[in-house]
C-alpha atoms as a PDB file:
ATOM      1  CA  MET A   1      -0.103  -0.153   0.074  1.00  0.00           C
ATOM      2  CA  GLY A   2       1.119   3.482  -0.720  1.00  0.00           C
ATOM      3  CA  LEU A   3       0.332   6.746   1.033  1.00  0.00           C
ATOM      4  CA  THR A   4      -1.858   6.826   4.062  1.00  0.00           C
ATOM      5  CA  VAL A   5      -3.232   9.544   6.570  1.00  0.00           C
ATOM      6  CA  GLY A   6      -2.804   9.405  10.237  1.00  0.00           C
ATOM      7  CA  ILE A   7      -5.161  11.672  12.412  1.00  0.00           C
ATOM      8  CA  ASP A   8      -4.534  12.348  15.949  1.00  0.00           C
ATOM      9  CA  VAL A   9      -7.614  13.743  17.703  1.00  0.00           C
ATOM     10  CA  GLY A  10      -7.276  15.255  21.140  1.00  0.00           C
ATOM     11  CA  GLY A  11      -9.535  17.638  23.167  1.00  0.00           C
ATOM     12  CA  THR A  12      -8.282  20.809  21.826  1.00  0.00           C
ATOM     13  CA  LYS A  13      -6.991  20.050  18.174  1.00  0.00           C
ATOM     14  CA  ILE A  14      -7.148  17.514  15.461  1.00  0.00           C
ATOM     15  CA  SER A  15      -3.824  17.011  13.643  1.00  0.00           C
ATOM     16  CA  GLY A  16      -3.270  14.934  10.271  1.00  0.00           C
ATOM     17  CA  ALA A  17      -0.433  13.899   8.165  1.00  0.00           C
ATOM     18  CA  VAL A  18       0.123  12.025   4.942  1.00  0.00           C
ATOM     19  CA  VAL A  19       2.808   9.340   5.672  1.00  0.00           C
ATOM     20  CA  ASP A  20       4.677   7.124   3.226  1.00  0.00           C
ATOM     21  CA  GLU A  21       5.729   3.580   3.784  1.00  0.00           C
ATOM     22  CA  GLU A  22       9.217   4.702   5.242  1.00  0.00           C
ATOM     23  CA  GLY A  23       7.265   6.779   8.064  1.00  0.00           C
ATOM     24  CA  VAL A  24       8.076  10.023   6.406  1.00  0.00           C
ATOM     25  CA  VAL A  25       5.605  12.931   6.799  1.00  0.00           C
ATOM     26  CA  LEU A  26       4.889  14.336   3.499  1.00  0.00           C
ATOM     27  CA  ALA A  27       2.174  16.931   4.338  1.00  0.00           C
ATOM     28  CA  THR A  28       0.208  18.037   7.583  1.00  0.00           C
ATOM     29  CA  GLU A  29      -2.934  19.816   8.480  1.00  0.00           C
ATOM     30  CA  ARG A  30      -4.534  20.946  11.710  1.00  0.00           C
ATOM     31  CA  ARG A  31      -7.942  21.760  12.808  1.00  0.00           C
ATOM     32  CA  HIS A  32      -9.726  22.922  16.145  1.00  0.00           C
ATOM     33  CA  SER A  33     -11.277  20.117  17.895  1.00  0.00           C
ATOM     34  CA  PRO A  34     -14.848  20.592  18.698  1.00  0.00           C
ATOM     35  CA  ALA A  35     -14.749  18.313  21.498  1.00  0.00           C
ATOM     36  CA  THR A  36     -18.357  18.400  22.856  1.00  0.00           C
ATOM     37  CA  ASP A  37     -20.001  17.660  19.267  1.00  0.00           C
ATOM     38  CA  THR A  38     -19.550  14.236  17.855  1.00  0.00           C
ATOM     39  CA  ASP A  39     -20.634  15.105  14.374  1.00  0.00           C
ATOM     40  CA  ALA A  40     -18.689  18.280  14.406  1.00  0.00           C
ATOM     41  CA  ILE A  41     -15.472  16.171  15.139  1.00  0.00           C
ATOM     42  CA  GLU A  42     -16.306  14.072  12.218  1.00  0.00           C
ATOM     43  CA  ALA A  43     -17.025  16.874   9.817  1.00  0.00           C
ATOM     44  CA  GLU A  44     -13.316  18.435  10.748  1.00  0.00           C
ATOM     45  CA  ILE A  45     -11.699  15.064  10.259  1.00  0.00           C
ATOM     46  CA  GLU A  46     -13.537  14.877   6.853  1.00  0.00           C
ATOM     47  CA  ASP A  47     -12.551  18.271   6.002  1.00  0.00           C
ATOM     48  CA  LEU A  48      -8.942  17.742   6.849  1.00  0.00           C
ATOM     49  CA  VAL A  49      -8.523  14.505   5.044  1.00  0.00           C
ATOM     50  CA  ALA A  50     -10.185  16.424   1.998  1.00  0.00           C
ATOM     51  CA  ASP A  51      -7.359  18.826   2.045  1.00  0.00           C
ATOM     52  CA  LEU A  52      -4.571  16.232   2.318  1.00  0.00           C
ATOM     53  CA  ARG A  53      -6.066  14.396  -0.546  1.00  0.00           C
ATOM     54  CA  GLY A  54      -5.906  17.119  -2.777  1.00  0.00           C
ATOM     55  CA  ALA A  55      -2.234  16.630  -3.609  1.00  0.00           C
ATOM     56  CA  HIS A  56      -1.745  13.042  -2.698  1.00  0.00           C
ATOM     57  CA  ASP A  57      -3.343   9.512  -3.618  1.00  0.00           C
ATOM     58  CA  ILE A  58      -4.403   8.243  -0.103  1.00  0.00           C
ATOM     59  CA  GLU A  59      -5.383   4.711   0.203  1.00  0.00           C
ATOM     60  CA  ALA A  60      -6.558   4.430   3.921  1.00  0.00           C
ATOM     61  CA  VAL A  61      -7.003   6.477   7.156  1.00  0.00           C
ATOM     62  CA  GLY A  62      -5.730   5.648  10.596  1.00  0.00           C
ATOM     63  CA  VAL A  63      -7.297   7.713  13.681  1.00  0.00           C
ATOM     64  CA  GLY A  64      -5.586   8.050  16.907  1.00  0.00           C
ATOM     65  CA  ALA A  65      -8.428   8.726  19.411  1.00  0.00           C
ATOM     66  CA  ALA A  66      -7.785   9.878  22.935  1.00  0.00           C
ATOM     67  CA  GLY A  67     -10.206   7.313  24.614  1.00  0.00           C
ATOM     68  CA  PHE A  68     -10.893   3.614  25.009  1.00  0.00           C
ATOM     69  CA  VAL A  69     -11.203   1.773  21.654  1.00  0.00           C
ATOM     70  CA  ASP A  70     -12.607  -1.601  21.449  1.00  0.00           C
ATOM     71  CA  VAL A  71     -10.839  -4.652  20.075  1.00  0.00           C
ATOM     72  CA  ALA A  72     -12.219  -4.339  16.643  1.00  0.00           C
ATOM     73  CA  ARG A  73     -10.689  -0.791  16.206  1.00  0.00           C
ATOM     74  CA  ALA A  74     -14.024   0.462  15.300  1.00  0.00           C
ATOM     75  CA  THR A  75     -15.717   1.932  18.371  1.00  0.00           C
ATOM     76  CA  VAL A  76     -14.600   4.626  20.707  1.00  0.00           C
ATOM     77  CA  LEU A  77     -16.211   3.288  24.099  1.00  0.00           C
ATOM     78  CA  PHE A  78     -15.266   6.280  26.019  1.00  0.00           C
ATOM     79  CA  ALA A  79     -13.184   9.481  25.688  1.00  0.00           C
ATOM     80  CA  PRO A  80     -12.502  11.424  28.808  1.00  0.00           C
ATOM     81  CA  ASN A  81     -12.080  14.831  27.124  1.00  0.00           C
ATOM     82  CA  LEU A  82     -14.352  14.195  24.116  1.00  0.00           C
ATOM     83  CA  ALA A  83     -18.077  13.477  23.606  1.00  0.00           C
ATOM     84  CA  TRP A  84     -17.475  10.185  22.258  1.00  0.00           C
ATOM     85  CA  ARG A  85     -19.514   7.174  24.008  1.00  0.00           C
ATOM     86  CA  ASP A  86     -20.093   4.032  22.361  1.00  0.00           C
ATOM     87  CA  GLU A  87     -19.171   6.042  19.173  1.00  0.00           C
ATOM     88  CA  HIS A  88     -19.087   3.969  15.924  1.00  0.00           C
ATOM     89  CA  LEU A  89     -16.421   6.032  14.647  1.00  0.00           C
ATOM     90  CA  LYS A  90     -14.993   3.579  12.012  1.00  0.00           C
ATOM     91  CA  ALA A  91     -18.365   3.321  10.144  1.00  0.00           C
ATOM     92  CA  ASP A  92     -19.236   7.002  10.456  1.00  0.00           C
ATOM     93  CA  LEU A  93     -15.869   8.166   8.958  1.00  0.00           C
ATOM     94  CA  GLU A  94     -15.833   5.304   6.203  1.00  0.00           C
ATOM     95  CA  ALA A  95     -19.289   6.664   5.141  1.00  0.00           C
ATOM     96  CA  ARG A  96     -17.869   9.976   4.982  1.00  0.00           C
ATOM     97  CA  LEU A  97     -14.369   9.418   3.354  1.00  0.00           C
ATOM     98  CA  HIS A  98     -15.030   6.469   1.208  1.00  0.00           C
ATOM     99  CA  LEU A  99     -11.869   5.085   2.479  1.00  0.00           C
ATOM    100  CA  PRO A 100     -10.775   2.221   4.712  1.00  0.00           C
ATOM    101  CA  VAL A 101     -10.502   3.602   8.255  1.00  0.00           C
ATOM    102  CA  VAL A 102      -8.740   2.135  11.351  1.00  0.00           C
ATOM    103  CA  ILE A 103      -9.311   3.522  14.820  1.00  0.00           C
ATOM    104  CA  GLU A 104      -6.827   3.055  17.598  1.00  0.00           C
ATOM    105  CA  ASN A 105      -6.044   4.531  20.980  1.00  0.00           C
ATOM    106  CA  ASP A 106      -3.832   7.715  20.466  1.00  0.00           C
ATOM    107  CA  ALA A 107      -1.099   6.383  22.967  1.00  0.00           C
ATOM    108  CA  ASN A 108      -1.115   2.968  21.156  1.00  0.00           C
ATOM    109  CA  ALA A 109      -0.693   4.833  17.930  1.00  0.00           C
ATOM    110  CA  ALA A 110       2.223   6.871  19.264  1.00  0.00           C
ATOM    111  CA  ALA A 111       3.789   3.659  20.504  1.00  0.00           C
ATOM    112  CA  TRP A 112       3.533   1.859  17.241  1.00  0.00           C
ATOM    113  CA  GLY A 113       5.015   4.927  15.489  1.00  0.00           C
ATOM    114  CA  GLU A 114       7.960   4.910  17.958  1.00  0.00           C
ATOM    115  CA  PHE A 115       8.369   1.134  17.776  1.00  0.00           C
ATOM    116  CA  THR A 116       8.170   1.007  13.900  1.00  0.00           C
ATOM    117  CA  PHE A 117      10.028   4.147  12.841  1.00  0.00           C
ATOM    118  CA  GLY A 118      11.641   5.780  15.965  1.00  0.00           C
ATOM    119  CA  ALA A 119      13.459   5.011  19.328  1.00  0.00           C
ATOM    120  CA  GLY A 120      12.209   1.287  19.428  1.00  0.00           C
ATOM    121  CA  ALA A 121      12.909   0.142  15.805  1.00  0.00           C
ATOM    122  CA  ASP A 122      15.552  -2.146  16.709  1.00  0.00           C
ATOM    123  CA  VAL A 123      13.583  -4.304  19.302  1.00  0.00           C
ATOM    124  CA  ASP A 124      10.583  -6.522  19.388  1.00  0.00           C
ATOM    125  CA  ASP A 125       9.533  -5.911  23.039  1.00  0.00           C
ATOM    126  CA  PHE A 126       8.936  -2.178  23.810  1.00  0.00           C
ATOM    127  CA  VAL A 127       6.759   0.131  26.053  1.00  0.00           C
ATOM    128  CA  LEU A 128       6.362   3.803  25.395  1.00  0.00           C
ATOM    129  CA  VAL A 129       5.547   6.018  28.307  1.00  0.00           C
ATOM    130  CA  THR A 130       4.240   9.406  27.714  1.00  0.00           C
ATOM    131  CA  VAL A 131       4.881  12.087  30.255  1.00  0.00           C
ATOM    132  CA  GLY A 132       2.602  15.168  29.678  1.00  0.00           C
ATOM    133  CA  THR A 133      -0.730  16.171  31.160  1.00  0.00           C
ATOM    134  CA  GLY A 134      -0.976  12.727  32.422  1.00  0.00           C
ATOM    135  CA  VAL A 135       0.924   9.581  31.948  1.00  0.00           C
ATOM    136  CA  GLY A 136       0.143   7.405  29.086  1.00  0.00           C
ATOM    137  CA  GLY A 137       1.539   4.644  27.194  1.00  0.00           C
ATOM    138  CA  GLY A 138       1.614   1.940  24.686  1.00  0.00           C
ATOM    139  CA  ILE A 139       3.107  -1.777  24.953  1.00  0.00           C
ATOM    140  CA  VAL A 140       4.421  -4.035  22.061  1.00  0.00           C
ATOM    141  CA  LEU A 141       5.295  -7.347  22.601  1.00  0.00           C
ATOM    142  CA  ASN A 142       6.742  -9.947  20.200  1.00  0.00           C
ATOM    143  CA  GLY A 143       6.475  -7.252  17.504  1.00  0.00           C
ATOM    144  CA  GLU A 144       2.689  -6.870  18.039  1.00  0.00           C
ATOM    145  CA  LEU A 145       0.808  -3.788  19.487  1.00  0.00           C
ATOM    146  CA  HIS A 146      -0.656  -5.367  22.781  1.00  0.00           C
ATOM    147  CA  ARG A 147      -4.257  -4.132  23.121  1.00  0.00           C
ATOM    148  CA  GLY A 148      -5.672  -6.712  25.608  1.00  0.00           C
ATOM    149  CA  ALA A 149      -8.864  -8.803  25.635  1.00  0.00           C
ATOM    150  CA  PHE A 150     -11.252  -5.715  25.040  1.00  0.00           C
ATOM    151  CA  GLY A 151      -8.883  -3.204  23.496  1.00  0.00           C
ATOM    152  CA  VAL A 152      -7.986  -1.251  26.276  1.00  0.00           C
ATOM    153  CA  ALA A 153      -4.800  -2.274  27.651  1.00  0.00           C
ATOM    154  CA  ALA A 154      -1.744  -0.264  28.381  1.00  0.00           C
ATOM    155  CA  GLU A 155      -3.529   2.588  30.672  1.00  0.00           C
ATOM    156  CA  ILE A 156      -0.244   2.485  32.596  1.00  0.00           C
ATOM    157  CA  GLY A 157      -0.762   5.979  34.238  1.00  0.00           C
ATOM    158  CA  HIS A 158      -3.678   4.399  36.173  1.00  0.00           C
ATOM    159  CA  MET A 159      -1.354   1.881  37.924  1.00  0.00           C
ATOM    160  CA  ARG A 160      -2.128   2.405  41.745  1.00  0.00           C
ATOM    161  CA  VAL A 161       1.382   3.562  43.268  1.00  0.00           C
ATOM    162  CA  VAL A 162      -0.078   5.258  46.450  1.00  0.00           C
ATOM    163  CA  PRO A 163      -3.086   3.600  48.267  1.00  0.00           C
ATOM    164  CA  GLY A 164      -5.199   6.348  49.186  1.00  0.00           C
ATOM    165  CA  GLY A 165      -3.129   8.884  47.588  1.00  0.00           C
ATOM    166  CA  ARG A 166      -4.189  11.825  45.295  1.00  0.00           C
ATOM    167  CA  ILE A 167      -7.502  11.704  43.730  1.00  0.00           C
ATOM    168  CA  CYS A 168      -7.226  10.880  40.033  1.00  0.00           C
ATOM    169  CA  GLY A 169      -9.366  12.070  37.030  1.00  0.00           C
ATOM    170  CA  CYS A 170     -10.351   8.373  36.671  1.00  0.00           C
ATOM    171  CA  GLY A 171     -11.973   8.562  39.921  1.00  0.00           C
ATOM    172  CA  ASN A 172      -9.446   6.326  41.748  1.00  0.00           C
ATOM    173  CA  ARG A 173      -6.816   7.517  44.207  1.00  0.00           C
ATOM    174  CA  GLY A 174      -2.976   7.104  44.062  1.00  0.00           C
ATOM    175  CA  CYS A 175      -2.612   6.684  40.281  1.00  0.00           C
ATOM    176  CA  TRP A 176       0.918   6.868  38.806  1.00  0.00           C
ATOM    177  CA  GLU A 177       0.146   9.840  36.665  1.00  0.00           C
ATOM    178  CA  GLN A 178      -0.838  11.831  39.810  1.00  0.00           C
ATOM    179  CA  TYR A 179       2.813  11.686  40.805  1.00  0.00           C
ATOM    180  CA  ALA A 180       4.866  11.082  37.506  1.00  0.00           C
ATOM    181  CA  SER A 181       3.303  13.753  35.127  1.00  0.00           C
ATOM    182  CA  GLY A 182       4.069  17.022  33.841  1.00  0.00           C
ATOM    183  CA  THR A 183       0.921  18.036  35.800  1.00  0.00           C
ATOM    184  CA  ALA A 184       2.282  16.589  38.902  1.00  0.00           C
ATOM    185  CA  LEU A 185       5.587  18.473  38.461  1.00  0.00           C
ATOM    186  CA  VAL A 186       3.989  21.734  37.924  1.00  0.00           C
ATOM    187  CA  ARG A 187       1.669  21.092  40.909  1.00  0.00           C
ATOM    188  CA  GLU A 188       4.322  20.242  43.240  1.00  0.00           C
ATOM    189  CA  VAL A 189       6.537  23.274  42.320  1.00  0.00           C
ATOM    190  CA  ARG A 190       3.512  25.763  42.595  1.00  0.00           C
ATOM    191  CA  GLU A 191       2.766  24.369  45.899  1.00  0.00           C
ATOM    192  CA  LEU A 192       6.382  24.794  47.498  1.00  0.00           C
ATOM    193  CA  VAL A 193       6.575  28.249  45.891  1.00  0.00           C
ATOM    194  CA  GLY A 194       3.197  29.299  47.443  1.00  0.00           C
ATOM    195  CA  GLN A 195       4.448  27.892  50.844  1.00  0.00           C
ATOM    196  CA  GLY A 196       7.208  30.621  50.486  1.00  0.00           C
ATOM    197  CA  SER A 197      10.023  28.074  49.850  1.00  0.00           C
ATOM    198  CA  LEU A 198      13.233  30.297  49.672  1.00  0.00           C
ATOM    199  CA  ILE A 199      15.051  27.814  47.385  1.00  0.00           C
ATOM    200  CA  ALA A 200      12.259  28.072  44.850  1.00  0.00           C
ATOM    201  CA  ARG A 201      12.347  32.014  44.764  1.00  0.00           C
ATOM    202  CA  SER A 202      14.163  31.801  41.627  1.00  0.00           C
ATOM    203  CA  LEU A 203      11.439  30.303  39.762  1.00  0.00           C
ATOM    204  CA  LEU A 204       8.897  32.838  41.046  1.00  0.00           C
ATOM    205  CA  ASP A 205      11.363  35.517  39.924  1.00  0.00           C
ATOM    206  CA  ARG A 206      11.455  33.731  36.279  1.00  0.00           C
ATOM    207  CA  ALA A 207       7.736  33.539  36.324  1.00  0.00           C
ATOM    208  CA  GLY A 208       7.541  37.276  36.891  1.00  0.00           C
ATOM    209  CA  GLY A 209       6.141  36.833  40.391  1.00  0.00           C
ATOM    210  CA  ASP A 210       2.989  35.085  39.137  1.00  0.00           C
ATOM    211  CA  VAL A 211       2.853  31.530  40.663  1.00  0.00           C
ATOM    212  CA  MET A 212       0.414  30.308  37.969  1.00  0.00           C
ATOM    213  CA  ALA A 213       2.941  31.243  35.136  1.00  0.00           C
ATOM    214  CA  ILE A 214       5.202  28.550  36.306  1.00  0.00           C
ATOM    215  CA  ASP A 215       4.869  25.734  33.970  1.00  0.00           C
ATOM    216  CA  GLY A 216       6.737  22.709  32.664  1.00  0.00           C
ATOM    217  CA  PRO A 217       8.773  24.498  29.995  1.00  0.00           C
ATOM    218  CA  LEU A 218       9.839  27.251  32.445  1.00  0.00           C
ATOM    219  CA  ILE A 219      10.935  24.546  35.086  1.00  0.00           C
ATOM    220  CA  THR A 220      13.027  22.876  32.375  1.00  0.00           C
ATOM    221  CA  GLU A 221      14.565  25.881  31.187  1.00  0.00           C
ATOM    222  CA  ALA A 222      15.616  26.928  34.766  1.00  0.00           C
ATOM    223  CA  ALA A 223      17.052  23.401  35.205  1.00  0.00           C
ATOM    224  CA  ARG A 224      19.078  23.624  32.145  1.00  0.00           C
ATOM    225  CA  SER A 225      20.428  26.803  33.467  1.00  0.00           C
ATOM    226  CA  GLY A 226      21.562  25.257  36.756  1.00  0.00           C
ATOM    227  CA  ASP A 227      18.731  26.342  39.101  1.00  0.00           C
ATOM    228  CA  ALA A 228      19.169  23.919  42.017  1.00  0.00           C
ATOM    229  CA  PHE A 229      15.625  23.844  42.824  1.00  0.00           C
ATOM    230  CA  ALA A 230      14.437  23.142  39.357  1.00  0.00           C
ATOM    231  CA  VAL A 231      16.843  20.078  39.054  1.00  0.00           C
ATOM    232  CA  GLU A 232      15.745  18.682  42.316  1.00  0.00           C
ATOM    233  CA  GLN A 233      12.124  18.768  41.022  1.00  0.00           C
ATOM    234  CA  LEU A 234      12.887  16.812  37.888  1.00  0.00           C
ATOM    235  CA  GLU A 235      15.060  14.420  39.991  1.00  0.00           C
ATOM    236  CA  ALA A 236      11.957  13.824  41.995  1.00  0.00           C
ATOM    237  CA  LEU A 237       9.814  13.168  38.884  1.00  0.00           C
ATOM    238  CA  GLY A 238      12.433  10.897  37.576  1.00  0.00           C
ATOM    239  CA  GLN A 239      12.319   8.892  40.906  1.00  0.00           C
ATOM    240  CA  TRP A 240       8.531   8.277  40.326  1.00  0.00           C
ATOM    241  CA  LEU A 241       9.071   7.473  36.740  1.00  0.00           C
ATOM    242  CA  GLY A 242      11.990   4.979  37.457  1.00  0.00           C
ATOM    243  CA  GLU A 243      10.132   3.176  40.245  1.00  0.00           C
ATOM    244  CA  GLY A 244       7.079   2.752  38.001  1.00  0.00           C
ATOM    245  CA  ILE A 245       9.134   1.502  34.941  1.00  0.00           C
ATOM    246  CA  ALA A 246      10.714  -0.916  37.444  1.00  0.00           C
ATOM    247  CA  THR A 247       6.956  -2.277  38.137  1.00  0.00           C
ATOM    248  CA  LEU A 248       6.525  -2.398  34.514  1.00  0.00           C
ATOM    249  CA  ALA A 249       9.652  -4.464  33.739  1.00  0.00           C
ATOM    250  CA  ALA A 250       8.631  -7.054  36.508  1.00  0.00           C
ATOM    251  CA  VAL A 251       5.409  -7.733  34.587  1.00  0.00           C
ATOM    252  CA  LEU A 252       6.378  -7.118  30.843  1.00  0.00           C
ATOM    253  CA  ASP A 253      10.241  -7.476  30.719  1.00  0.00           C
ATOM    254  CA  PRO A 254      10.651  -5.206  27.717  1.00  0.00           C
ATOM    255  CA  ALA A 255      13.884  -4.556  25.962  1.00  0.00           C
ATOM    256  CA  VAL A 256      13.367  -0.874  25.841  1.00  0.00           C
ATOM    257  CA  VAL A 257      11.246   1.714  27.403  1.00  0.00           C
ATOM    258  CA  VAL A 258      10.904   5.160  25.627  1.00  0.00           C
ATOM    259  CA  ILE A 259      10.072   8.189  27.475  1.00  0.00           C
ATOM    260  CA  GLY A 260       7.841  10.534  25.226  1.00  0.00           C
ATOM    261  CA  GLY A 261       5.624  13.497  25.906  1.00  0.00           C
ATOM    262  CA  GLY A 262       6.495  17.231  26.631  1.00  0.00           C
ATOM    263  CA  VAL A 263       8.507  16.606  29.886  1.00  0.00           C
ATOM    264  CA  SER A 264      10.866  14.366  27.919  1.00  0.00           C
ATOM    265  CA  GLU A 265      12.132  17.249  26.742  1.00  0.00           C
ATOM    266  CA  ALA A 266      14.091  17.936  29.766  1.00  0.00           C
ATOM    267  CA  ASP A 267      16.344  15.376  28.233  1.00  0.00           C
ATOM    268  CA  GLU A 268      19.096  13.805  30.769  1.00  0.00           C
ATOM    269  CA  LEU A 269      17.957  15.965  33.575  1.00  0.00           C
ATOM    270  CA  LEU A 270      14.822  13.597  33.623  1.00  0.00           C
ATOM    271  CA  LEU A 271      16.224  10.471  31.987  1.00  0.00           C
ATOM    272  CA  GLY A 272      19.073  10.404  34.494  1.00  0.00           C
ATOM    273  CA  PRO A 273      17.291  10.196  37.547  1.00  0.00           C
ATOM    274  CA  THR A 274      14.672   7.784  35.873  1.00  0.00           C
ATOM    275  CA  ARG A 275      17.477   5.296  34.947  1.00  0.00           C
ATOM    276  CA  ALA A 276      19.194   5.533  38.401  1.00  0.00           C
ATOM    277  CA  HIS A 277      15.848   4.958  40.462  1.00  0.00           C
ATOM    278  CA  PHE A 278      14.793   2.363  37.898  1.00  0.00           C
ATOM    279  CA  ARG A 279      17.997   0.337  38.611  1.00  0.00           C
ATOM    280  CA  ALA A 280      17.476   0.703  42.478  1.00  0.00           C
ATOM    281  CA  ASN A 281      13.980  -0.795  42.184  1.00  0.00           C
ATOM    282  CA  LEU A 282      14.371  -3.366  39.717  1.00  0.00           C
ATOM    283  CA  THR A 283      13.422  -6.880  40.806  1.00  0.00           C
ATOM    284  CA  GLY A 284      16.600  -9.176  40.676  1.00  0.00           C
ATOM    285  CA  ARG A 285      18.779  -6.173  39.858  1.00  0.00           C
ATOM    286  CA  HIS A 286      22.571  -7.188  39.191  1.00  0.00           C
ATOM    287  CA  HIS A 287      21.420 -10.581  38.197  1.00  0.00           C
ATOM    288  CA  ARG A 288      19.282  -9.893  35.237  1.00  0.00           C
ATOM    289  CA  PRO A 289      19.810  -8.089  31.783  1.00  0.00           C
ATOM    290  CA  GLU A 290      18.765  -4.462  32.074  1.00  0.00           C
ATOM    291  CA  LEU A 291      16.404  -2.984  29.687  1.00  0.00           C
ATOM    292  CA  GLN A 292      17.317   0.545  27.959  1.00  0.00           C
ATOM    293  CA  ILE A 293      15.509   3.777  28.812  1.00  0.00           C
ATOM    294  CA  ARG A 294      15.442   5.990  25.854  1.00  0.00           C
ATOM    295  CA  GLN A 295      14.082   9.376  24.866  1.00  0.00           C
ATOM    296  CA  ALA A 296      11.319   9.400  22.197  1.00  0.00           C
ATOM    297  CA  LYS A 297      12.434  10.425  18.543  1.00  0.00           C
ATOM    298  CA  LEU A 298       9.299  11.265  16.709  1.00  0.00           C
ATOM    299  CA  GLY A 299       7.788  13.934  18.939  1.00  0.00           C
ATOM    300  CA  ASN A 300       4.408  14.990  18.377  1.00  0.00           C
ATOM    301  CA  THR A 301       4.226  13.405  14.838  1.00  0.00           C
ATOM    302  CA  ALA A 302       4.444   9.746  16.539  1.00  0.00           C
ATOM    303  CA  GLY A 303       0.691   9.296  16.854  1.00  0.00           C
ATOM    304  CA  MET A 304       0.169  10.418  13.234  1.00  0.00           C
ATOM    305  CA  ILE A 305       2.847   8.257  12.003  1.00  0.00           C
ATOM    306  CA  GLY A 306       1.606   5.227  13.953  1.00  0.00           C
ATOM    307  CA  ALA A 307      -2.002   5.457  12.972  1.00  0.00           C
ATOM    308  CA  ALA A 308      -1.006   6.013   9.445  1.00  0.00           C
ATOM    309  CA  ASP A 309       1.080   2.769   9.477  1.00  0.00           C
ATOM    310  CA  LEU A 310      -1.663   0.879  11.373  1.00  0.00           C
ATOM    311  CA  ALA A 311      -4.054   1.766   8.613  1.00  0.00           C
ATOM    312  CA  ARG A 312      -1.737   0.400   5.947  1.00  0.00           C
ATOM    313  CA  LYS A 313      -1.152  -2.953   7.683  1.00  0.00           C
ATOM    314  CA  GLU A 314      -4.933  -3.322   8.480  1.00  0.00           C
END
């Protein structure tokens, strides 16, 4: 099969790309996501694909949806930030586009993109951990995307790591993403600044005195410039990530774990502590082969590239 389109549908935007068989992005389009209107979302996808088809011969479309997708890759069972509830998205889009369509969870699509064309292309067993607003992920075992019996595997951000801990958007308490996400990083820093921590004063100065202006990129920038407090906060985040990855390794035993998402742009300031705490918590450490923890390569294109390739293979 030749060219396919990969679509990444989130709560605020819809992105699309024409992708060739080598995973190369040839063209992109972007639309606003009308998150509360299912028909409007489909119309935006239809319009986006029409624009991409104007200059390319497209043979199939893959859609990465931010939600639970059934095992048939046809229905979005639930999406926390979109209006989809038991939405028969595959059938609806095929009727609109007159092309074959594959629906996949957005994190699974990103994992497949990194596995096939990115940081995991040299192994058969691989886990993607995306660190952003939450913690997401995707799992590849024996060269195949692991989707579970019902299609909703790899919700790794909702492993319970602190019984009775912080309330999570999923309704449970103590989920991994409440401690290991970009949101958790910013929350912790803002709380410490608000409490008058002297060591945090430099970050408040960088934010112009506005606690709410402190965000992930500002913390990363400060850490890169040698701010001791910012470095400590990334190390604390790396501790949570490393301990969680050690748990994943005990269950899945992958060859490679790739860290993606916006916070991964902190590079070794995050990856170094993550590796150290992974090693310190790995079951059977010193007596087993050790997986590699790598930074993602494809950035924001991973989901579109993965969705496009899944459509091609389907």
